[in-house]
Amino acid sequence: MSETIPDVMAPPGIAAFFQGWQLYQSIIQNNGMEHREIGEALRCVFEALPHRFSVLDLGCGDSSMAMKSLEGLSVSSYTGVDLTAPALDIARANFHGSYSATWVHANMVDYIANVDQPLDVIMTSFAMHHLPAATKQAWLVDIAKHLTPTGQLVLIDTCCPAGLSRDETVQSYLDLIADWPLSDADKASIAAHMWSSDYPESEAFMEGALAAAGLTHRMIYKHTQGLQVGYLCQPTAR
C-alpha cells in the first residue's frame, strides 16, 4: 500500500524503525529475543485446540513465528496486521500454509476496535510495549470483546522484572544486546529505538490489566532474566 497510515502507537518513529525489517530479521534468525522458545510455547498452545480455529495476529511483523507455530494444524484462517509494509511483503512471499491468509497494513489498535466478528485466537508478540499504559489497558478490553466465549489470547511481550524501573529494564535489555552478533551501528539503532519508544510494564501491571479486561491467564513462557513473558488468556465465564 502507498497511503500513509497514522501511527498512534505511542512515540513517533516506531513504524520508521521497522521499515527496513532486515535488522529485526537478523535478531529473529539469531534467536536474540528467544523467538525459538516462544514459538515452541505457541505450538503447544495451538496443538491443544480441539477444533479448527481462526487466528488474528496483531503486530504480526513478517509472521514467521506464527506460520511456523501453525504449520500442519487445523487453521481455518489467518489474518496478520502490522504497520510495517516491508515485513508484510515478506510474510506474503513466504506463506505456504493450506489455510486462507490475509495481511493488513494497519494500526493494530484501530484494527481490533473495528473487527465485526468473534475470533477463536488472537495473538500478539512484542507489540504492546509500544503503547502508553492507558492504551494498553483499553486495547486489552477491545481484544477481550472480540474473542469467542472459548477463545484465547496469546500475549508475548517485554516486561519489567520485579523491582526494576522502565529505564533499568531497558538498560538490562541493552546489556544483553551487547553480546548479539550485530554491528555497532545496529546496536546503536536498537538502543535509540528502545529509549524513545519501548515502555514495558511489570508482571503485576500486565496481569492486572488482563483481569480488568475480563481475561483469566496463565504464564506459558518467561525469559530467564524476566525481561519477557508470555500469557495464555481466556474470557472469564460470562
C-alpha atoms as a PDB file:
ATOM      1  CA  MET A   1       0.000   0.000   0.000  1.00  0.00           C
ATOM      2  CA  SER A   2       1.170   3.505  -0.692  1.00  0.00           C
ATOM      3  CA  GLU A   3      -1.150   5.506   1.546  1.00  0.00           C
ATOM      4  CA  THR A   4       0.118   6.967   4.794  1.00  0.00           C
ATOM      5  CA  ILE A   5      -1.338   5.302   7.873  1.00  0.00           C
ATOM      6  CA  PRO A   6      -1.240   7.457  11.017  1.00  0.00           C
ATOM      7  CA  ASP A   7       0.976   5.967  13.696  1.00  0.00           C
ATOM      8  CA  VAL A   8      -0.815   6.430  17.000  1.00  0.00           C
ATOM      9  CA  MET A   9       1.251   3.761  18.734  1.00  0.00           C
ATOM     10  CA  ALA A  10       2.883   5.911  21.402  1.00  0.00           C
ATOM     11  CA  PRO A  11       6.026   7.941  20.496  1.00  0.00           C
ATOM     12  CA  PRO A  12       6.680   8.806  16.845  1.00  0.00           C
ATOM     13  CA  GLY A  13       9.196   6.813  14.886  1.00  0.00           C
ATOM     14  CA  ILE A  14       8.104   3.288  15.822  1.00  0.00           C
ATOM     15  CA  ALA A  15       6.989   2.392  12.306  1.00  0.00           C
ATOM     16  CA  ALA A  16      10.062   4.090  10.844  1.00  0.00           C
ATOM     17  CA  PHE A  17      12.416   1.930  12.918  1.00  0.00           C
ATOM     18  CA  PHE A  18      10.928  -1.271  11.488  1.00  0.00           C
ATOM     19  CA  GLN A  19      10.569  -0.179   7.858  1.00  0.00           C
ATOM     20  CA  GLY A  20      13.782  -1.825   6.690  1.00  0.00           C
ATOM     21  CA  TRP A  21      12.961  -5.026   8.621  1.00  0.00           C
ATOM     22  CA  GLN A  22      16.385  -6.551   7.890  1.00  0.00           C
ATOM     23  CA  LEU A  23      17.654  -5.669  11.373  1.00  0.00           C
ATOM     24  CA  TYR A  24      14.691  -7.299  13.084  1.00  0.00           C
ATOM     25  CA  GLN A  25      15.035 -10.337  10.803  1.00  0.00           C
ATOM     26  CA  SER A  26      18.641 -10.676  11.952  1.00  0.00           C
ATOM     27  CA  ILE A  27      17.518 -10.588  15.589  1.00  0.00           C
ATOM     28  CA  ILE A  28      14.943 -13.322  14.908  1.00  0.00           C
ATOM     29  CA  GLN A  29      17.387 -15.504  12.968  1.00  0.00           C
ATOM     30  CA  ASN A  30      19.947 -15.286  15.781  1.00  0.00           C
ATOM     31  CA  ASN A  31      17.265 -16.008  18.408  1.00  0.00           C
ATOM     32  CA  GLY A  32      18.211 -12.835  20.256  1.00  0.00           C
ATOM     33  CA  MET A  33      14.700 -12.431  21.676  1.00  0.00           C
ATOM     34  CA  GLU A  34      14.115 -16.164  22.183  1.00  0.00           C
ATOM     35  CA  HIS A  35      11.689 -16.476  19.281  1.00  0.00           C
ATOM     36  CA  ARG A  36      12.576 -20.179  19.148  1.00  0.00           C
ATOM     37  CA  GLU A  37      11.489 -20.822  22.730  1.00  0.00           C
ATOM     38  CA  ILE A  38       8.403 -18.667  22.313  1.00  0.00           C
ATOM     39  CA  GLY A  39       7.487 -20.495  19.126  1.00  0.00           C
ATOM     40  CA  GLU A  40       7.664 -23.820  20.970  1.00  0.00           C
ATOM     41  CA  ALA A  41       5.305 -22.475  23.648  1.00  0.00           C
ATOM     42  CA  LEU A  42       2.907 -21.247  20.959  1.00  0.00           C
ATOM     43  CA  ARG A  43       2.995 -24.620  19.231  1.00  0.00           C
ATOM     44  CA  CYS A  44       1.936 -26.335  22.462  1.00  0.00           C
ATOM     45  CA  VAL A  45      -0.970 -23.920  22.819  1.00  0.00           C
ATOM     46  CA  PHE A  46      -2.181 -24.359  19.248  1.00  0.00           C
ATOM     47  CA  GLU A  47      -1.810 -28.134  19.240  1.00  0.00           C
ATOM     48  CA  ALA A  48      -4.131 -28.326  22.259  1.00  0.00           C
ATOM     49  CA  LEU A  49      -7.017 -26.575  20.495  1.00  0.00           C
ATOM     50  CA  PRO A  50      -9.827 -29.088  19.845  1.00  0.00           C
ATOM     51  CA  HIS A  51     -11.235 -27.703  16.592  1.00  0.00           C
ATOM     52  CA  ARG A  52     -10.457 -25.632  13.516  1.00  0.00           C
ATOM     53  CA  PHE A  53      -9.655 -22.119  14.576  1.00  0.00           C
ATOM     54  CA  SER A  54      -9.192 -18.644  13.153  1.00  0.00           C
ATOM     55  CA  VAL A  55      -6.164 -16.540  14.098  1.00  0.00           C
ATOM     56  CA  LEU A  56      -5.744 -12.778  14.240  1.00  0.00           C
ATOM     57  CA  ASP A  57      -2.113 -11.741  14.706  1.00  0.00           C
ATOM     58  CA  LEU A  58      -1.791  -8.129  15.887  1.00  0.00           C
ATOM     59  CA  GLY A  59       1.618  -6.604  15.201  1.00  0.00           C
ATOM     60  CA  CYS A  60       2.482  -9.675  13.131  1.00  0.00           C
ATOM     61  CA  GLY A  61       5.704  -8.459  11.517  1.00  0.00           C
ATOM     62  CA  ASP A  62       6.770 -10.993   8.890  1.00  0.00           C
ATOM     63  CA  SER A  63       4.536 -13.686  10.508  1.00  0.00           C
ATOM     64  CA  SER A  64       7.473 -16.104  10.601  1.00  0.00           C
ATOM     65  CA  MET A  65       6.915 -17.237  14.181  1.00  0.00           C
ATOM     66  CA  ALA A  66       3.170 -17.603  13.706  1.00  0.00           C
ATOM     67  CA  MET A  67       3.479 -19.534  10.444  1.00  0.00           C
ATOM     68  CA  LYS A  68       5.949 -21.996  11.960  1.00  0.00           C
ATOM     69  CA  SER A  69       3.778 -22.472  15.057  1.00  0.00           C
ATOM     70  CA  LEU A  70       0.637 -23.072  12.958  1.00  0.00           C
ATOM     71  CA  GLU A  71       2.201 -25.391  10.390  1.00  0.00           C
ATOM     72  CA  GLY A  72       0.128 -28.542   9.814  1.00  0.00           C
ATOM     73  CA  LEU A  73      -2.591 -27.600  12.300  1.00  0.00           C
ATOM     74  CA  SER A  74      -6.356 -27.146  11.791  1.00  0.00           C
ATOM     75  CA  VAL A  75      -6.321 -23.444  10.995  1.00  0.00           C
ATOM     76  CA  SER A  76      -9.352 -22.060   9.174  1.00  0.00           C
ATOM     77  CA  SER A  77      -7.904 -18.600   8.525  1.00  0.00           C
ATOM     78  CA  TYR A  78      -5.045 -16.304   9.499  1.00  0.00           C
ATOM     79  CA  THR A  79      -5.034 -12.508   9.452  1.00  0.00           C
ATOM     80  CA  GLY A  80      -1.836 -10.594  10.162  1.00  0.00           C
ATOM     81  CA  VAL A  81      -1.958  -6.884  10.952  1.00  0.00           C
ATOM     82  CA  ASP A  82       1.081  -4.617  11.046  1.00  0.00           C
ATOM     83  CA  LEU A  83       2.247  -1.076  10.287  1.00  0.00           C
ATOM     84  CA  THR A  84       5.418  -2.326   8.581  1.00  0.00           C
ATOM     85  CA  ALA A  85       4.707  -2.841   4.888  1.00  0.00           C
ATOM     86  CA  PRO A  86       8.078  -4.491   4.045  1.00  0.00           C
ATOM     87  CA  ALA A  87       7.506  -7.128   6.734  1.00  0.00           C
ATOM     88  CA  LEU A  88       4.042  -7.869   5.349  1.00  0.00           C
ATOM     89  CA  ASP A  89       5.548  -8.288   1.875  1.00  0.00           C
ATOM     90  CA  ILE A  90       7.966 -10.872   3.289  1.00  0.00           C
ATOM     91  CA  ALA A  91       5.097 -12.670   5.042  1.00  0.00           C
ATOM     92  CA  ARG A  92       3.087 -12.916   1.828  1.00  0.00           C
ATOM     93  CA  ALA A  93       6.092 -14.187  -0.127  1.00  0.00           C
ATOM     94  CA  ASN A  94       6.956 -16.849   2.458  1.00  0.00           C
ATOM     95  CA  PHE A  95       3.436 -18.137   3.110  1.00  0.00           C
ATOM     96  CA  HIS A  96       2.930 -21.793   2.263  1.00  0.00           C
ATOM     97  CA  GLY A  97       0.040 -22.848   4.502  1.00  0.00           C
ATOM     98  CA  SER A  98      -3.086 -24.674   3.387  1.00  0.00           C
ATOM     99  CA  TYR A  99      -5.406 -22.190   5.118  1.00  0.00           C
ATOM    100  CA  SER A 100      -6.554 -18.799   3.874  1.00  0.00           C
ATOM    101  CA  ALA A 101      -4.238 -15.961   4.877  1.00  0.00           C
ATOM    102  CA  THR A 102      -4.640 -12.199   4.701  1.00  0.00           C
ATOM    103  CA  TRP A 103      -2.230  -9.432   5.648  1.00  0.00           C
ATOM    104  CA  VAL A 104      -3.464  -5.959   6.525  1.00  0.00           C
ATOM    105  CA  HIS A 105      -1.348  -2.796   6.582  1.00  0.00           C
ATOM    106  CA  ALA A 106      -2.982  -1.043   9.528  1.00  0.00           C
ATOM    107  CA  ASN A 107      -2.583   0.174  13.070  1.00  0.00           C
ATOM    108  CA  MET A 108      -3.317  -2.758  15.385  1.00  0.00           C
ATOM    109  CA  VAL A 109      -5.118  -0.593  17.956  1.00  0.00           C
ATOM    110  CA  ASP A 110      -7.557   0.819  15.419  1.00  0.00           C
ATOM    111  CA  TYR A 111      -7.954  -2.508  13.657  1.00  0.00           C
ATOM    112  CA  ILE A 112      -9.225  -4.526  16.613  1.00  0.00           C
ATOM    113  CA  ALA A 113     -11.657  -1.763  17.564  1.00  0.00           C
ATOM    114  CA  ASN A 114     -13.380  -2.219  14.206  1.00  0.00           C
ATOM    115  CA  VAL A 115     -13.444  -6.034  13.935  1.00  0.00           C
ATOM    116  CA  ASP A 116     -17.035  -7.177  13.393  1.00  0.00           C
ATOM    117  CA  GLN A 117     -16.858 -10.905  14.152  1.00  0.00           C
ATOM    118  CA  PRO A 118     -15.762 -13.065  17.124  1.00  0.00           C
ATOM    119  CA  LEU A 119     -12.366 -14.736  16.882  1.00  0.00           C
ATOM    120  CA  ASP A 120     -11.013 -18.047  18.145  1.00  0.00           C
ATOM    121  CA  VAL A 121      -7.409 -16.962  18.673  1.00  0.00           C
ATOM    122  CA  ILE A 122      -5.871 -13.510  18.925  1.00  0.00           C
ATOM    123  CA  MET A 123      -2.109 -13.370  19.281  1.00  0.00           C
ATOM    124  CA  THR A 124       0.290 -10.502  19.703  1.00  0.00           C
ATOM    125  CA  SER A 125       4.031 -10.582  20.294  1.00  0.00           C
ATOM    126  CA  PHE A 126       6.416  -7.743  21.134  1.00  0.00           C
ATOM    127  CA  ALA A 127       3.928  -5.052  20.142  1.00  0.00           C
ATOM    128  CA  MET A 128       2.008  -3.939  23.232  1.00  0.00           C
ATOM    129  CA  HIS A 129       5.047  -2.397  24.935  1.00  0.00           C
ATOM    130  CA  HIS A 130       4.983   0.440  22.397  1.00  0.00           C
ATOM    131  CA  LEU A 131       1.628   1.658  23.736  1.00  0.00           C
ATOM    132  CA  PRO A 132       1.042   4.092  26.620  1.00  0.00           C
ATOM    133  CA  ALA A 133      -0.266   2.389  29.762  1.00  0.00           C
ATOM    134  CA  ALA A 134      -3.855   3.613  29.359  1.00  0.00           C
ATOM    135  CA  THR A 135      -3.903   2.491  25.722  1.00  0.00           C
ATOM    136  CA  LYS A 136      -2.566  -0.934  26.716  1.00  0.00           C
ATOM    137  CA  GLN A 137      -5.467  -1.368  29.131  1.00  0.00           C
ATOM    138  CA  ALA A 138      -8.102  -0.176  26.650  1.00  0.00           C
ATOM    139  CA  TRP A 139      -6.618  -2.356  23.904  1.00  0.00           C
ATOM    140  CA  LEU A 140      -6.879  -5.484  26.035  1.00  0.00           C
ATOM    141  CA  VAL A 141     -10.526  -4.653  26.723  1.00  0.00           C
ATOM    142  CA  ASP A 142     -11.125  -4.386  22.959  1.00  0.00           C
ATOM    143  CA  ILE A 143      -9.363  -7.698  22.376  1.00  0.00           C
ATOM    144  CA  ALA A 144     -11.405  -9.468  25.049  1.00  0.00           C
ATOM    145  CA  LYS A 145     -14.632  -8.202  23.461  1.00  0.00           C
ATOM    146  CA  HIS A 146     -13.708  -9.846  20.164  1.00  0.00           C
ATOM    147  CA  LEU A 147     -12.937 -13.334  21.469  1.00  0.00           C
ATOM    148  CA  THR A 148     -15.480 -16.134  21.261  1.00  0.00           C
ATOM    149  CA  PRO A 149     -16.611 -17.430  24.689  1.00  0.00           C
ATOM    150  CA  THR A 150     -13.978 -20.184  24.375  1.00  0.00           C
ATOM    151  CA  GLY A 151     -11.460 -18.010  22.508  1.00  0.00           C
ATOM    152  CA  GLN A 152      -7.884 -17.432  23.556  1.00  0.00           C
ATOM    153  CA  LEU A 153      -5.469 -14.515  23.606  1.00  0.00           C
ATOM    154  CA  VAL A 154      -1.766 -15.305  23.416  1.00  0.00           C
ATOM    155  CA  LEU A 155       0.217 -12.302  24.630  1.00  0.00           C
ATOM    156  CA  ILE A 156       4.019 -12.173  24.410  1.00  0.00           C
ATOM    157  CA  ASP A 157       5.883  -9.041  25.398  1.00  0.00           C
ATOM    158  CA  THR A 158       8.811  -7.450  27.138  1.00  0.00           C
ATOM    159  CA  CYS A 159       8.425  -6.990  30.872  1.00  0.00           C
ATOM    160  CA  CYS A 160       9.930  -5.094  33.776  1.00  0.00           C
ATOM    161  CA  PRO A 161      11.347  -7.655  36.229  1.00  0.00           C
ATOM    162  CA  ALA A 162      10.303  -7.233  39.847  1.00  0.00           C
ATOM    163  CA  GLY A 163      11.948  -4.198  41.407  1.00  0.00           C
ATOM    164  CA  LEU A 164      13.237  -2.701  38.153  1.00  0.00           C
ATOM    165  CA  SER A 165      12.019   0.570  36.679  1.00  0.00           C
ATOM    166  CA  ARG A 166      11.351   1.071  32.984  1.00  0.00           C
ATOM    167  CA  ASP A 167      14.781   2.676  32.478  1.00  0.00           C
ATOM    168  CA  GLU A 168      16.553  -0.085  34.404  1.00  0.00           C
ATOM    169  CA  THR A 169      14.722  -2.671  32.311  1.00  0.00           C
ATOM    170  CA  VAL A 170      15.733  -1.027  29.039  1.00  0.00           C
ATOM    171  CA  GLN A 171      19.335  -0.896  30.209  1.00  0.00           C
ATOM    172  CA  SER A 172      19.213  -4.586  31.209  1.00  0.00           C
ATOM    173  CA  TYR A 173      17.959  -5.414  27.730  1.00  0.00           C
ATOM    174  CA  LEU A 174      20.715  -3.353  26.131  1.00  0.00           C
ATOM    175  CA  ASP A 175      23.263  -5.232  28.230  1.00  0.00           C
ATOM    176  CA  LEU A 176      22.012  -8.434  26.562  1.00  0.00           C
ATOM    177  CA  ILE A 177      22.150  -6.855  23.117  1.00  0.00           C
ATOM    178  CA  ALA A 178      25.826  -6.020  23.652  1.00  0.00           C
ATOM    179  CA  ASP A 179      26.568  -9.725  23.066  1.00  0.00           C
ATOM    180  CA  TRP A 180      24.409 -10.125  19.959  1.00  0.00           C
ATOM    181  CA  PRO A 181      26.208 -10.613  16.601  1.00  0.00           C
ATOM    182  CA  LEU A 182      25.254  -7.175  15.279  1.00  0.00           C
ATOM    183  CA  SER A 183      27.237  -4.179  14.102  1.00  0.00           C
ATOM    184  CA  ASP A 184      27.809  -1.259  16.449  1.00  0.00           C
ATOM    185  CA  ALA A 185      25.553   0.847  14.217  1.00  0.00           C
ATOM    186  CA  ASP A 186      22.714  -1.675  14.526  1.00  0.00           C
ATOM    187  CA  LYS A 187      23.122  -1.834  18.282  1.00  0.00           C
ATOM    188  CA  ALA A 188      23.022   1.954  18.448  1.00  0.00           C
ATOM    189  CA  SER A 189      19.852   1.969  16.350  1.00  0.00           C
ATOM    190  CA  ILE A 190      18.188  -0.533  18.671  1.00  0.00           C
ATOM    191  CA  ALA A 191      19.219   1.462  21.717  1.00  0.00           C
ATOM    192  CA  ALA A 192      17.828   4.709  20.286  1.00  0.00           C
ATOM    193  CA  HIS A 193      14.556   2.961  19.453  1.00  0.00           C
ATOM    194  CA  MET A 194      14.203   1.386  22.890  1.00  0.00           C
ATOM    195  CA  TRP A 195      14.920   4.580  24.811  1.00  0.00           C
ATOM    196  CA  SER A 196      12.424   6.549  22.723  1.00  0.00           C
ATOM    197  CA  SER A 197       9.644   4.028  22.130  1.00  0.00           C
ATOM    198  CA  ASP A 198       9.697   0.997  24.463  1.00  0.00           C
ATOM    199  CA  TYR A 199       7.584   1.092  27.618  1.00  0.00           C
ATOM    200  CA  PRO A 200       7.455  -2.395  29.132  1.00  0.00           C
ATOM    201  CA  GLU A 201       5.248  -2.937  32.167  1.00  0.00           C
ATOM    202  CA  SER A 202       5.625  -5.081  35.248  1.00  0.00           C
ATOM    203  CA  GLU A 203       4.044  -8.513  35.537  1.00  0.00           C
ATOM    204  CA  ALA A 204       1.689  -7.041  38.142  1.00  0.00           C
ATOM    205  CA  PHE A 205       0.511  -4.371  35.686  1.00  0.00           C
ATOM    206  CA  MET A 206       0.032  -6.843  32.853  1.00  0.00           C
ATOM    207  CA  GLU A 207      -1.841  -9.353  34.968  1.00  0.00           C
ATOM    208  CA  GLY A 208      -3.997  -6.623  36.482  1.00  0.00           C
ATOM    209  CA  ALA A 209      -4.837  -5.247  33.035  1.00  0.00           C
ATOM    210  CA  LEU A 210      -5.773  -8.731  31.804  1.00  0.00           C
ATOM    211  CA  ALA A 211      -8.049  -9.276  34.800  1.00  0.00           C
ATOM    212  CA  ALA A 212      -9.655  -5.857  34.315  1.00  0.00           C
ATOM    213  CA  ALA A 213     -10.365  -6.802  30.688  1.00  0.00           C
ATOM    214  CA  GLY A 214     -12.228  -9.900  31.859  1.00  0.00           C
ATOM    215  CA  LEU A 215      -9.489 -12.381  30.997  1.00  0.00           C
ATOM    216  CA  THR A 216      -8.112 -15.189  33.114  1.00  0.00           C
ATOM    217  CA  HIS A 217      -4.493 -16.043  32.377  1.00  0.00           C
ATOM    218  CA  ARG A 218      -1.607 -18.415  32.934  1.00  0.00           C
ATOM    219  CA  MET A 219       2.032 -17.915  32.097  1.00  0.00           C
ATOM    220  CA  ILE A 220       3.340 -20.055  29.239  1.00  0.00           C
ATOM    221  CA  TYR A 221       6.807 -18.524  28.849  1.00  0.00           C
ATOM    222  CA  LYS A 222       9.270 -16.439  30.850  1.00  0.00           C
ATOM    223  CA  HIS A 223      12.707 -15.159  29.894  1.00  0.00           C
ATOM    224  CA  THR A 224      15.499 -16.379  32.155  1.00  0.00           C
ATOM    225  CA  GLN A 225      16.053 -12.813  33.393  1.00  0.00           C
ATOM    226  CA  GLY A 226      12.356 -11.953  33.484  1.00  0.00           C
ATOM    227  CA  LEU A 227      12.693  -9.475  30.614  1.00  0.00           C
ATOM    228  CA  GLN A 228       9.999 -11.168  28.500  1.00  0.00           C
ATOM    229  CA  VAL A 229       6.820 -13.038  29.425  1.00  0.00           C
ATOM    230  CA  GLY A 230       4.071 -14.922  27.650  1.00  0.00           C
ATOM    231  CA  TYR A 231       0.471 -15.443  28.764  1.00  0.00           C
ATOM    232  CA  LEU A 232      -2.372 -17.627  27.561  1.00  0.00           C
ATOM    233  CA  CYS A 233      -5.618 -15.824  28.334  1.00  0.00           C
ATOM    234  CA  GLN A 234      -9.286 -16.754  28.106  1.00  0.00           C
ATOM    235  CA  PRO A 235     -12.516 -14.851  28.741  1.00  0.00           C
ATOM    236  CA  THR A 236     -13.786 -15.128  32.291  1.00  0.00           C
ATOM    237  CA  ALA A 237     -17.034 -17.131  32.339  1.00  0.00           C
ATOM    238  CA  ARG A 238     -19.810 -14.861  31.113  1.00  0.00           C
END
